[in-house]
C-alpha atoms as a PDB file:
ATOM      1  CA  MET A   1      10.160   4.026  13.855  1.00  0.00           C
ATOM      2  CA  ALA A   2      11.307   7.168  12.034  1.00  0.00           C
ATOM      3  CA  LEU A   3      13.743   5.353   9.733  1.00  0.00           C
ATOM      4  CA  PRO A   4      11.295   2.858   8.173  1.00  0.00           C
ATOM      5  CA  THR A   5       8.719   5.622   7.841  1.00  0.00           C
ATOM      6  CA  THR A   6      11.128   7.918   6.017  1.00  0.00           C
ATOM      7  CA  LEU A   7      12.208   5.195   3.614  1.00  0.00           C
ATOM      8  CA  SER A   8       8.668   4.004   2.981  1.00  0.00           C
ATOM      9  CA  GLY A   9       7.601   7.591   2.350  1.00  0.00           C
ATOM     10  CA  LEU A  10      10.373   8.051  -0.218  1.00  0.00           C
ATOM     11  CA  ALA A  11       9.405   4.858  -2.009  1.00  0.00           C
ATOM     12  CA  ASP A  12       5.746   5.870  -1.975  1.00  0.00           C
ATOM     13  CA  ARG A  13       6.559   9.175  -3.652  1.00  0.00           C
ATOM     14  CA  LEU A  14       8.449   7.344  -6.411  1.00  0.00           C
ATOM     15  CA  ALA A  15       5.366   5.162  -6.930  1.00  0.00           C
ATOM     16  CA  ALA A  16       2.768   7.952  -6.684  1.00  0.00           C
ATOM     17  CA  LEU A  17       2.293   8.358 -10.435  1.00  0.00           C
ATOM     18  CA  LEU A  18       1.484   4.669 -10.979  1.00  0.00           C
ATOM     19  CA  GLN A  19      -0.740   4.594  -7.897  1.00  0.00           C
ATOM     20  CA  VAL A  20      -2.956   7.315  -9.408  1.00  0.00           C
ATOM     21  CA  SER A  21      -3.173   5.325 -12.657  1.00  0.00           C
ATOM     22  CA  HIS A  22      -3.980   2.113 -10.763  1.00  0.00           C
ATOM     23  CA  ILE A  23      -6.827   3.566  -8.678  1.00  0.00           C
ATOM     24  CA  ARG A  24      -8.443   5.351 -11.620  1.00  0.00           C
ATOM     25  CA  TRP A  25      -8.058   2.214 -13.753  1.00  0.00           C
ATOM     26  CA  ILE A  26      -9.939   0.055 -11.235  1.00  0.00           C
ATOM     27  CA  TRP A  27     -12.650   2.708 -10.929  1.00  0.00           C
ATOM     28  CA  THR A  28     -13.244   3.268 -14.645  1.00  0.00           C
ATOM     29  CA  GLN A  29     -13.359  -0.438 -15.470  1.00  0.00           C
ATOM     30  CA  SER A  30     -16.372  -0.862 -13.205  1.00  0.00           C
ATOM     31  CA  HIS A  31     -18.188   2.421 -13.959  1.00  0.00           C
ATOM     32  CA  GLN A  32     -19.467   4.328 -16.941  1.00  0.00           C
ATOM     33  CA  GLY A  33     -16.910   5.543 -19.451  1.00  0.00           C
ATOM     34  CA  PRO A  34     -14.430   4.078 -21.916  1.00  0.00           C
ATOM     35  CA  ARG A  35     -12.405   1.060 -20.784  1.00  0.00           C
ATOM     36  CA  ARG A  36      -8.661   1.721 -20.899  1.00  0.00           C
ATOM     37  CA  ASN A  37      -5.559  -0.319 -20.236  1.00  0.00           C
ATOM     38  CA  MET A  38      -2.867   1.003 -17.899  1.00  0.00           C
ATOM     39  CA  LEU A  39      -0.873   2.859 -20.598  1.00  0.00           C
ATOM     40  CA  GLN A  40      -4.030   4.448 -22.012  1.00  0.00           C
ATOM     41  CA  MET A  41      -5.081   5.560 -18.517  1.00  0.00           C
ATOM     42  CA  PHE A  42      -1.644   7.053 -17.873  1.00  0.00           C
ATOM     43  CA  THR A  43      -1.827   8.951 -21.188  1.00  0.00           C
ATOM     44  CA  HIS A  44      -5.375  10.074 -20.414  1.00  0.00           C
ATOM     45  CA  ILE A  45      -4.292  11.531 -17.062  1.00  0.00           C
ATOM     46  CA  LEU A  46      -1.462  13.495 -18.690  1.00  0.00           C
ATOM     47  CA  GLN A  47      -3.706  14.790 -21.492  1.00  0.00           C
ATOM     48  CA  THR A  48      -6.593  15.860 -19.281  1.00  0.00           C
ATOM     49  CA  ASN A  49      -4.802  17.012 -16.124  1.00  0.00           C
ATOM     50  CA  GLY A  50      -1.179  17.529 -17.119  1.00  0.00           C
ATOM     51  CA  ILE A  51       1.770  16.467 -14.997  1.00  0.00           C
ATOM     52  CA  ARG A  52       0.012  17.786 -11.880  1.00  0.00           C
ATOM     53  CA  GLY A  53      -2.700  15.214 -12.451  1.00  0.00           C
ATOM     54  CA  CYS A  54      -0.150  12.498 -11.703  1.00  0.00           C
ATOM     55  CA  TYR A  55       0.118  13.799  -8.153  1.00  0.00           C
ATOM     56  CA  HIS A  56      -3.519  14.277  -7.174  1.00  0.00           C
ATOM     57  CA  GLY A  57      -3.788  13.305  -3.524  1.00  0.00           C
ATOM     58  CA  ILE A  58      -0.104  13.640  -2.706  1.00  0.00           C
ATOM     59  CA  SER A  59      -0.880  15.321   0.634  1.00  0.00           C
ATOM     60  CA  ALA A  60      -3.198  12.438   1.556  1.00  0.00           C
ATOM     61  CA  SER A  61      -0.549   9.941   0.503  1.00  0.00           C
ATOM     62  CA  LEU A  62       2.021  11.674   2.720  1.00  0.00           C
ATOM     63  CA  LEU A  63      -0.433  11.627   5.616  1.00  0.00           C
ATOM     64  CA  ARG A  64      -1.007   7.933   4.971  1.00  0.00           C
ATOM     65  CA  GLN A  65       2.720   7.270   5.202  1.00  0.00           C
ATOM     66  CA  LEU A  66       2.950   9.180   8.479  1.00  0.00           C
ATOM     67  CA  SER A  67       0.204   7.070  10.010  1.00  0.00           C
ATOM     68  CA  TYR A  68      -0.017   3.673   8.276  1.00  0.00           C
ATOM     69  CA  SER A  69       3.676   3.093   7.548  1.00  0.00           C
ATOM     70  CA  THR A  70       4.918   4.439  10.877  1.00  0.00           C
ATOM     71  CA  THR A  71       2.697   1.970  12.680  1.00  0.00           C
ATOM     72  CA  ARG A  72       3.243  -1.176  10.632  1.00  0.00           C
ATOM     73  CA  PHE A  73       7.009  -0.823  10.174  1.00  0.00           C
ATOM     74  CA  GLY A  74       7.585   0.371  13.716  1.00  0.00           C
ATOM     75  CA  VAL A  75       5.503  -2.313  15.446  1.00  0.00           C
ATOM     76  CA  TYR A  76       6.990  -5.070  13.271  1.00  0.00           C
ATOM     77  CA  GLU A  77      10.584  -4.074  14.024  1.00  0.00           C
ATOM     78  CA  GLU A  78       9.817  -3.757  17.742  1.00  0.00           C
ATOM     79  CA  LEU A  79       8.200  -7.203  17.860  1.00  0.00           C
ATOM     80  CA  LYS A  80      11.134  -8.758  16.000  1.00  0.00           C
ATOM     81  CA  GLU A  81      13.551  -7.209  18.473  1.00  0.00           C
ATOM     82  CA  VAL A  82      11.559  -8.475  21.454  1.00  0.00           C
ATOM     83  CA  PHE A  83      11.420 -12.062  20.180  1.00  0.00           C
ATOM     84  CA  THR A  84      14.966 -12.261  18.826  1.00  0.00           C
ATOM     85  CA  THR A  85      17.697 -13.571  21.126  1.00  0.00           C
ATOM     86  CA  ALA A  86      21.420 -14.159  20.714  1.00  0.00           C
ATOM     87  CA  LYS A  87      20.758 -17.825  19.904  1.00  0.00           C
ATOM     88  CA  THR A  88      17.396 -17.867  18.135  1.00  0.00           C
ATOM     89  CA  SER A  89      15.444 -15.842  15.601  1.00  0.00           C
ATOM     90  CA  PRO A  90      11.671 -15.874  15.019  1.00  0.00           C
ATOM     91  CA  SER A  91      10.399 -18.629  12.730  1.00  0.00           C
ATOM     92  CA  PHE A  92       8.537 -17.799   9.526  1.00  0.00           C
ATOM     93  CA  PRO A  93       5.084 -18.427  11.117  1.00  0.00           C
ATOM     94  CA  ALA A  94       6.139 -16.125  13.970  1.00  0.00           C
ATOM     95  CA  LEU A  95       7.219 -13.445  11.475  1.00  0.00           C
ATOM     96  CA  VAL A  96       3.855 -13.747   9.714  1.00  0.00           C
ATOM     97  CA  ALA A  97       2.031 -13.346  13.042  1.00  0.00           C
ATOM     98  CA  MET A  98       4.112 -10.285  13.952  1.00  0.00           C
ATOM     99  CA  ALA A  99       3.616  -8.738  10.523  1.00  0.00           C
ATOM    100  CA  SER A 100      -0.128  -9.438  10.629  1.00  0.00           C
ATOM    101  CA  THR A 101      -0.433  -7.780  14.041  1.00  0.00           C
ATOM    102  CA  SER A 102       1.499  -4.700  12.966  1.00  0.00           C
ATOM    103  CA  GLY A 103      -0.405  -4.537   9.676  1.00  0.00           C
ATOM    104  CA  PHE A 104      -3.774  -4.669  11.434  1.00  0.00           C
ATOM    105  CA  ALA A 105      -2.747  -1.831  13.743  1.00  0.00           C
ATOM    106  CA  GLY A 106      -1.440   0.176  10.784  1.00  0.00           C
ATOM    107  CA  GLY A 107      -4.652  -0.359   8.834  1.00  0.00           C
ATOM    108  CA  ILE A 108      -6.769   1.079  11.631  1.00  0.00           C
ATOM    109  CA  VAL A 109      -4.470   4.037  12.335  1.00  0.00           C
ATOM    110  CA  GLY A 110      -4.072   4.905   8.656  1.00  0.00           C
ATOM    111  CA  ASN A 111      -7.690   4.385   7.582  1.00  0.00           C
ATOM    112  CA  PRO A 112      -8.766   8.076   7.481  1.00  0.00           C
ATOM    113  CA  ALA A 113      -5.749   9.011   5.369  1.00  0.00           C
ATOM    114  CA  ASP A 114      -6.323   5.979   3.128  1.00  0.00           C
ATOM    115  CA  ILE A 115      -9.897   7.075   2.416  1.00  0.00           C
ATOM    116  CA  LEU A 116      -8.629  10.534   1.462  1.00  0.00           C
ATOM    117  CA  ASN A 117      -5.893   8.991  -0.674  1.00  0.00           C
ATOM    118  CA  VAL A 118      -8.403   6.965  -2.701  1.00  0.00           C
ATOM    119  CA  ARG A 119     -10.931   9.785  -3.002  1.00  0.00           C
ATOM    120  CA  MET A 120      -8.459  12.497  -4.013  1.00  0.00           C
ATOM    121  CA  GLN A 121      -6.662  10.327  -6.562  1.00  0.00           C
ATOM    122  CA  HIS A 122      -9.752   9.236  -8.440  1.00  0.00           C
ATOM    123  CA  ASP A 123     -11.617  12.549  -8.075  1.00  0.00           C
ATOM    124  CA  ALA A 124     -10.585  13.739 -11.526  1.00  0.00           C
ATOM    125  CA  ALA A 125     -12.105  10.595 -13.077  1.00  0.00           C
ATOM    126  CA  LEU A 126     -15.563  11.661 -11.881  1.00  0.00           C
ATOM    127  CA  PRO A 127     -17.925  14.080 -13.641  1.00  0.00           C
ATOM    128  CA  ALA A 128     -17.337  17.658 -12.435  1.00  0.00           C
ATOM    129  CA  ALA A 129     -20.652  17.704 -10.531  1.00  0.00           C
ATOM    130  CA  GLU A 130     -19.714  14.612  -8.503  1.00  0.00           C
ATOM    131  CA  ARG A 131     -16.190  15.626  -7.478  1.00  0.00           C
ATOM    132  CA  ARG A 132     -15.431  16.321  -3.833  1.00  0.00           C
ATOM    133  CA  ASN A 133     -12.600  18.741  -4.658  1.00  0.00           C
ATOM    134  CA  TYR A 134     -10.707  18.431  -1.389  1.00  0.00           C
ATOM    135  CA  LYS A 135      -7.993  21.113  -1.325  1.00  0.00           C
ATOM    136  CA  HIS A 136      -5.585  18.946   0.647  1.00  0.00           C
ATOM    137  CA  ALA A 137      -5.586  16.162   3.250  1.00  0.00           C
ATOM    138  CA  ILE A 138      -6.480  18.354   6.237  1.00  0.00           C
ATOM    139  CA  ASP A 139      -9.316  20.005   4.325  1.00  0.00           C
ATOM    140  CA  GLY A 140     -10.537  16.533   3.386  1.00  0.00           C
ATOM    141  CA  LEU A 141     -10.501  15.335   7.008  1.00  0.00           C
ATOM    142  CA  VAL A 142     -12.389  18.399   8.208  1.00  0.00           C
ATOM    143  CA  ARG A 143     -15.003  18.126   5.471  1.00  0.00           C
ATOM    144  CA  MET A 144     -15.468  14.386   5.996  1.00  0.00           C
ATOM    145  CA  VAL A 145     -16.232  14.934   9.686  1.00  0.00           C
ATOM    146  CA  ARG A 146     -18.461  17.944   9.024  1.00  0.00           C
ATOM    147  CA  GLU A 147     -20.398  16.491   6.075  1.00  0.00           C
ATOM    148  CA  GLU A 148     -20.446  12.771   6.911  1.00  0.00           C
ATOM    149  CA  GLY A 149     -19.777  12.542  10.647  1.00  0.00           C
ATOM    150  CA  TRP A 150     -16.952  10.963  12.638  1.00  0.00           C
ATOM    151  CA  LYS A 151     -17.917   7.478  11.533  1.00  0.00           C
ATOM    152  CA  SER A 152     -16.886   8.351   7.974  1.00  0.00           C
ATOM    153  CA  LEU A 153     -13.241   8.229   9.083  1.00  0.00           C
ATOM    154  CA  MET A 154     -13.613   4.493   9.652  1.00  0.00           C
ATOM    155  CA  LYS A 155     -15.447   3.748   6.401  1.00  0.00           C
ATOM    156  CA  GLY A 156     -14.068   0.536   4.933  1.00  0.00           C
ATOM    157  CA  VAL A 157     -11.831  -0.017   7.966  1.00  0.00           C
ATOM    158  CA  TRP A 158     -12.292  -3.804   7.978  1.00  0.00           C
ATOM    159  CA  PRO A 159     -11.354  -4.487   4.332  1.00  0.00           C
ATOM    160  CA  ASN A 160      -8.602  -1.901   4.713  1.00  0.00           C
ATOM    161  CA  SER A 161      -7.250  -3.568   7.858  1.00  0.00           C
ATOM    162  CA  MET A 162      -7.538  -6.963   6.158  1.00  0.00           C
ATOM    163  CA  ARG A 163      -5.554  -5.578   3.242  1.00  0.00           C
ATOM    164  CA  ALA A 164      -2.976  -4.117   5.647  1.00  0.00           C
ATOM    165  CA  VAL A 165      -2.621  -7.516   7.355  1.00  0.00           C
ATOM    166  CA  LEU A 166      -2.145  -9.272   4.007  1.00  0.00           C
ATOM    167  CA  MET A 167       0.200  -6.580   2.693  1.00  0.00           C
ATOM    168  CA  THR A 168       2.432  -6.492   5.762  1.00  0.00           C
ATOM    169  CA  ALA A 169       2.541 -10.275   6.184  1.00  0.00           C
ATOM    170  CA  SER A 170       3.220 -10.921   2.500  1.00  0.00           C
ATOM    171  CA  GLN A 171       5.675  -8.039   2.148  1.00  0.00           C
ATOM    172  CA  LEU A 172       7.681  -7.818   5.382  1.00  0.00           C
ATOM    173  CA  ALA A 173       7.581 -11.443   6.519  1.00  0.00           C
ATOM    174  CA  SER A 174       8.173 -12.836   3.023  1.00  0.00           C
ATOM    175  CA  TYR A 175      11.111 -10.454   2.501  1.00  0.00           C
ATOM    176  CA  ASP A 176      12.786 -11.660   5.685  1.00  0.00           C
ATOM    177  CA  GLU A 177      12.150 -15.298   4.753  1.00  0.00           C
ATOM    178  CA  PHE A 178      13.347 -14.895   1.140  1.00  0.00           C
ATOM    179  CA  LYS A 179      16.483 -13.189   2.420  1.00  0.00           C
ATOM    180  CA  ILE A 180      17.179 -16.065   4.842  1.00  0.00           C
ATOM    181  CA  LEU A 181      16.670 -18.647   2.069  1.00  0.00           C
ATOM    182  CA  LEU A 182      18.891 -16.783  -0.390  1.00  0.00           C
ATOM    183  CA  LEU A 183      21.715 -16.501   2.131  1.00  0.00           C
ATOM    184  CA  ALA A 184      21.387 -20.160   3.138  1.00  0.00           C
ATOM    185  CA  HIS A 185      20.981 -21.804  -0.286  1.00  0.00           C
ATOM    186  CA  THR A 186      22.730 -19.551  -2.819  1.00  0.00           C
ATOM    187  CA  PRO A 187      26.238 -18.076  -3.138  1.00  0.00           C
ATOM    188  CA  LEU A 188      24.783 -14.608  -2.526  1.00  0.00           C
ATOM    189  CA  GLN A 189      26.091 -12.603   0.409  1.00  0.00           C
ATOM    190  CA  ASP A 190      24.210 -10.088   2.559  1.00  0.00           C
ATOM    191  CA  GLY A 191      24.459  -7.294   0.008  1.00  0.00           C
ATOM    192  CA  LEU A 192      22.573  -5.373  -2.666  1.00  0.00           C
ATOM    193  CA  ALA A 193      22.001  -8.395  -4.920  1.00  0.00           C
ATOM    194  CA  THR A 194      20.354 -10.328  -2.085  1.00  0.00           C
ATOM    195  CA  HIS A 195      18.281  -7.351  -0.976  1.00  0.00           C
ATOM    196  CA  PHE A 196      17.121  -6.676  -4.536  1.00  0.00           C
ATOM    197  CA  THR A 197      16.180 -10.294  -5.231  1.00  0.00           C
ATOM    198  CA  ALA A 198      14.378 -10.813  -1.919  1.00  0.00           C
ATOM    199  CA  SER A 199      12.463  -7.541  -2.220  1.00  0.00           C
ATOM    200  CA  PHE A 200      11.487  -8.267  -5.850  1.00  0.00           C
ATOM    201  CA  MET A 201      10.029 -11.632  -4.848  1.00  0.00           C
ATOM    202  CA  ALA A 202       8.312 -10.072  -1.833  1.00  0.00           C
ATOM    203  CA  GLY A 203       6.725  -7.447  -4.094  1.00  0.00           C
ATOM    204  CA  PHE A 204       5.398 -10.168  -6.417  1.00  0.00           C
ATOM    205  CA  VAL A 205       3.909 -12.116  -3.492  1.00  0.00           C
ATOM    206  CA  ALA A 206       2.378  -8.995  -1.918  1.00  0.00           C
ATOM    207  CA  THR A 207       0.786  -7.833  -5.191  1.00  0.00           C
ATOM    208  CA  THR A 208      -0.793 -11.221  -5.895  1.00  0.00           C
ATOM    209  CA  ILE A 209      -2.137 -11.749  -2.382  1.00  0.00           C
ATOM    210  CA  CYS A 210      -3.477  -8.204  -1.974  1.00  0.00           C
ATOM    211  CA  SER A 211      -5.016  -7.745  -5.425  1.00  0.00           C
ATOM    212  CA  PRO A 212      -8.589  -8.888  -4.556  1.00  0.00           C
ATOM    213  CA  VAL A 213      -8.686  -6.805  -1.366  1.00  0.00           C
ATOM    214  CA  ASP A 214      -7.295  -3.775  -3.224  1.00  0.00           C
ATOM    215  CA  VAL A 215     -10.209  -3.891  -5.649  1.00  0.00           C
ATOM    216  CA  ILE A 216     -12.769  -4.167  -2.834  1.00  0.00           C
ATOM    217  CA  LYS A 217     -11.117  -1.451  -0.733  1.00  0.00           C
ATOM    218  CA  THR A 218     -10.957   1.007  -3.633  1.00  0.00           C
ATOM    219  CA  ARG A 219     -14.616   0.556  -4.546  1.00  0.00           C
ATOM    220  CA  ILE A 220     -15.863   0.815  -0.956  1.00  0.00           C
ATOM    221  CA  MET A 221     -13.821   3.905  -0.080  1.00  0.00           C
ATOM    222  CA  SER A 222     -14.654   5.764  -3.301  1.00  0.00           C
ATOM    223  CA  ALA A 223     -18.392   4.957  -3.218  1.00  0.00           C
ATOM    224  CA  LYS A 224     -20.872   7.655  -2.270  1.00  0.00           C
ATOM    225  CA  THR A 225     -23.374   5.104  -0.919  1.00  0.00           C
ATOM    226  CA  SER A 226     -22.926   2.437   1.738  1.00  0.00           C
ATOM    227  CA  GLU A 227     -22.948  -1.216   0.663  1.00  0.00           C
ATOM    228  CA  SER A 228     -22.078  -4.329   2.635  1.00  0.00           C
ATOM    229  CA  ILE A 229     -19.070  -6.386   1.585  1.00  0.00           C
ATOM    230  CA  PRO A 230     -21.136  -9.534   0.757  1.00  0.00           C
ATOM    231  CA  SER A 231     -23.479  -7.451  -1.403  1.00  0.00           C
ATOM    232  CA  LEU A 232     -20.533  -5.781  -3.159  1.00  0.00           C
ATOM    233  CA  LEU A 233     -18.825  -9.129  -3.810  1.00  0.00           C
ATOM    234  CA  SER A 234     -22.037 -10.579  -5.221  1.00  0.00           C
ATOM    235  CA  SER A 235     -22.492  -7.589  -7.506  1.00  0.00           C
ATOM    236  CA  ILE A 236     -18.894  -7.674  -8.749  1.00  0.00           C
ATOM    237  CA  TYR A 237     -19.020 -11.412  -9.412  1.00  0.00           C
ATOM    238  CA  LYS A 238     -22.262 -11.131 -11.405  1.00  0.00           C
ATOM    239  CA  GLN A 239     -20.837  -8.342 -13.565  1.00  0.00           C
ATOM    240  CA  GLU A 240     -17.231  -9.484 -13.999  1.00  0.00           C
ATOM    241  CA  GLY A 241     -16.861 -13.110 -12.917  1.00  0.00           C
ATOM    242  CA  LEU A 242     -13.726 -14.252 -11.071  1.00  0.00           C
ATOM    243  CA  GLY A 243     -11.559 -11.945 -13.159  1.00  0.00           C
ATOM    244  CA  TRP A 244     -12.301  -9.075 -10.763  1.00  0.00           C
ATOM    245  CA  MET A 245      -9.881 -10.575  -8.226  1.00  0.00           C
ATOM    246  CA  PHE A 246      -6.837  -9.599 -10.295  1.00  0.00           C
ATOM    247  CA  ARG A 247      -8.181  -6.553 -12.090  1.00  0.00           C
ATOM    248  CA  GLY A 248      -5.394  -4.016 -12.258  1.00  0.00           C
ATOM    249  CA  TRP A 249      -2.705  -6.537 -11.226  1.00  0.00           C
ATOM    250  CA  VAL A 250      -0.147  -5.291 -13.773  1.00  0.00           C
ATOM    251  CA  PRO A 251      -0.224  -1.583 -12.808  1.00  0.00           C
ATOM    252  CA  SER A 252      -0.385  -2.656  -9.171  1.00  0.00           C
ATOM    253  CA  PHE A 253       2.785  -4.758  -9.530  1.00  0.00           C
ATOM    254  CA  ILE A 254       4.562  -2.043 -11.509  1.00  0.00           C
ATOM    255  CA  ARG A 255       3.766   0.280  -8.602  1.00  0.00           C
ATOM    256  CA  LEU A 256       4.272  -2.091  -5.668  1.00  0.00           C
ATOM    257  CA  GLY A 257       7.273  -3.956  -7.093  1.00  0.00           C
ATOM    258  CA  PRO A 258       9.591  -0.908  -7.282  1.00  0.00           C
ATOM    259  CA  HIS A 259       8.022   0.416  -4.052  1.00  0.00           C
ATOM    260  CA  THR A 260       9.019  -2.774  -2.214  1.00  0.00           C
ATOM    261  CA  ILE A 261      12.480  -2.916  -3.779  1.00  0.00           C
ATOM    262  CA  VAL A 262      13.312   0.725  -3.007  1.00  0.00           C
ATOM    263  CA  THR A 263      11.941   0.489   0.528  1.00  0.00           C
ATOM    264  CA  PHE A 264      13.924  -2.587   1.563  1.00  0.00           C
ATOM    265  CA  MET A 265      17.133  -1.693  -0.252  1.00  0.00           C
ATOM    266  CA  PHE A 266      17.218   1.743   1.357  1.00  0.00           C
ATOM    267  CA  LEU A 267      16.161   0.271   4.692  1.00  0.00           C
ATOM    268  CA  GLU A 268      18.967  -2.293   4.649  1.00  0.00           C
ATOM    269  CA  GLN A 269      21.586   0.308   3.754  1.00  0.00           C
ATOM    270  CA  HIS A 270      20.409   2.717   6.426  1.00  0.00           C
ATOM    271  CA  LYS A 271      20.336  -0.066   9.017  1.00  0.00           C
ATOM    272  CA  LYS A 272      23.935  -0.922   8.100  1.00  0.00           C
ATOM    273  CA  LEU A 273      24.963   2.742   8.337  1.00  0.00           C
ATOM    274  CA  TYR A 274      23.190   3.104  11.684  1.00  0.00           C
ATOM    275  CA  ARG A 275      24.942   0.016  13.110  1.00  0.00           C
ATOM    276  CA  ARG A 276      28.322   1.367  12.000  1.00  0.00           C
ATOM    277  CA  MET A 277      27.625   4.749  13.575  1.00  0.00           C
ATOM    278  CA  LYS A 278      26.724   3.018  16.847  1.00  0.00           C
ATOM    279  CA  GLY A 279      29.770   0.783  16.672  1.00  0.00           C
ATOM    280  CA  TYR A 280      27.813  -2.457  16.391  1.00  0.00           C
ATOM    281  CA  GLU A 281      29.895  -3.668  13.454  1.00  0.00           C
ATOM    282  CA  GLU A 282      33.141  -2.874  11.707  1.00  0.00           C
END
C-alpha cells in the first residue's frame, strides 16, 4: 500500500494550490461576497494571504492522503490481485465493483481528515470572527472532538463516502479500462504515451462524475449548522438551478486532471521498477 500512497501524496501536493482555489471558489459563489472566476480567486488568495495562503490546510491534506489514499489504493490493488489469474483478468464491471468497495472504505477512514482539509482551506475566506484558526491537522482533530464531540469526525460521511466511491470507480477503474482499450485498438505500446492518455481521460471522467458530489460535500463539511442532504439540495436548486451540479468544474479539472496523470504515470513507472528489482521481468 505504501507505493500508491506515496505517489498519490506527491500528486496531491502538486495540486494543492488549485485545490485551495477550488474550495474557496465553491464557497464564495454560494455565500456573501464578490463572485470571482477561478483566476480572480487565485489572484485574490495571493494578494490577501501571500504564497503561504496557497497552502492553507497542507497538514490536513497530508493526513488525508495517509488515510484516504492508503485505503482506496491499497484495497483496490489487493482486490485486483486476488481476482486476477494467469488466464483471466477482472472485467470492467468487476473493476468498478472493486474500486467502489475500496473507495467507500477510503471515504470512511479519511472522513475526519477530509473535514479538516475543507475547513482549513476555506478558513481564510471567512470573516475573521468566524474563522476556526486550526493550527494544524492534529490541533483541528483535538478541537473538533472537544468542541463538537466525537460525532463531528463523521460529519458528512455519507456524501463523502459516495464521492469516494464515484471518484475511485471513475478514476481507477476507468484508467485500467482506457489503458486496455488503447493497447488493444491503437498502435500505442505499454509506455508513457499510453499512461498519459489513459490517465488524462480518467481525470476527465472522474471530474465530471464527481462534480455534483464535490459541491455538496464542500458545503456540508464547511457549514457551521447541520442540514439534511435533501434540504440542502432543495435550497441549492432554488437559488442556482441545475447549474450547481458543475459549479467549479474547470478549476476542479485543472486540479484533478494533472493529479490523475501524475499519480498513474509515477505509479506505472514505480511498478515497472519494482518488478525489475524483484526479477519479474527483464
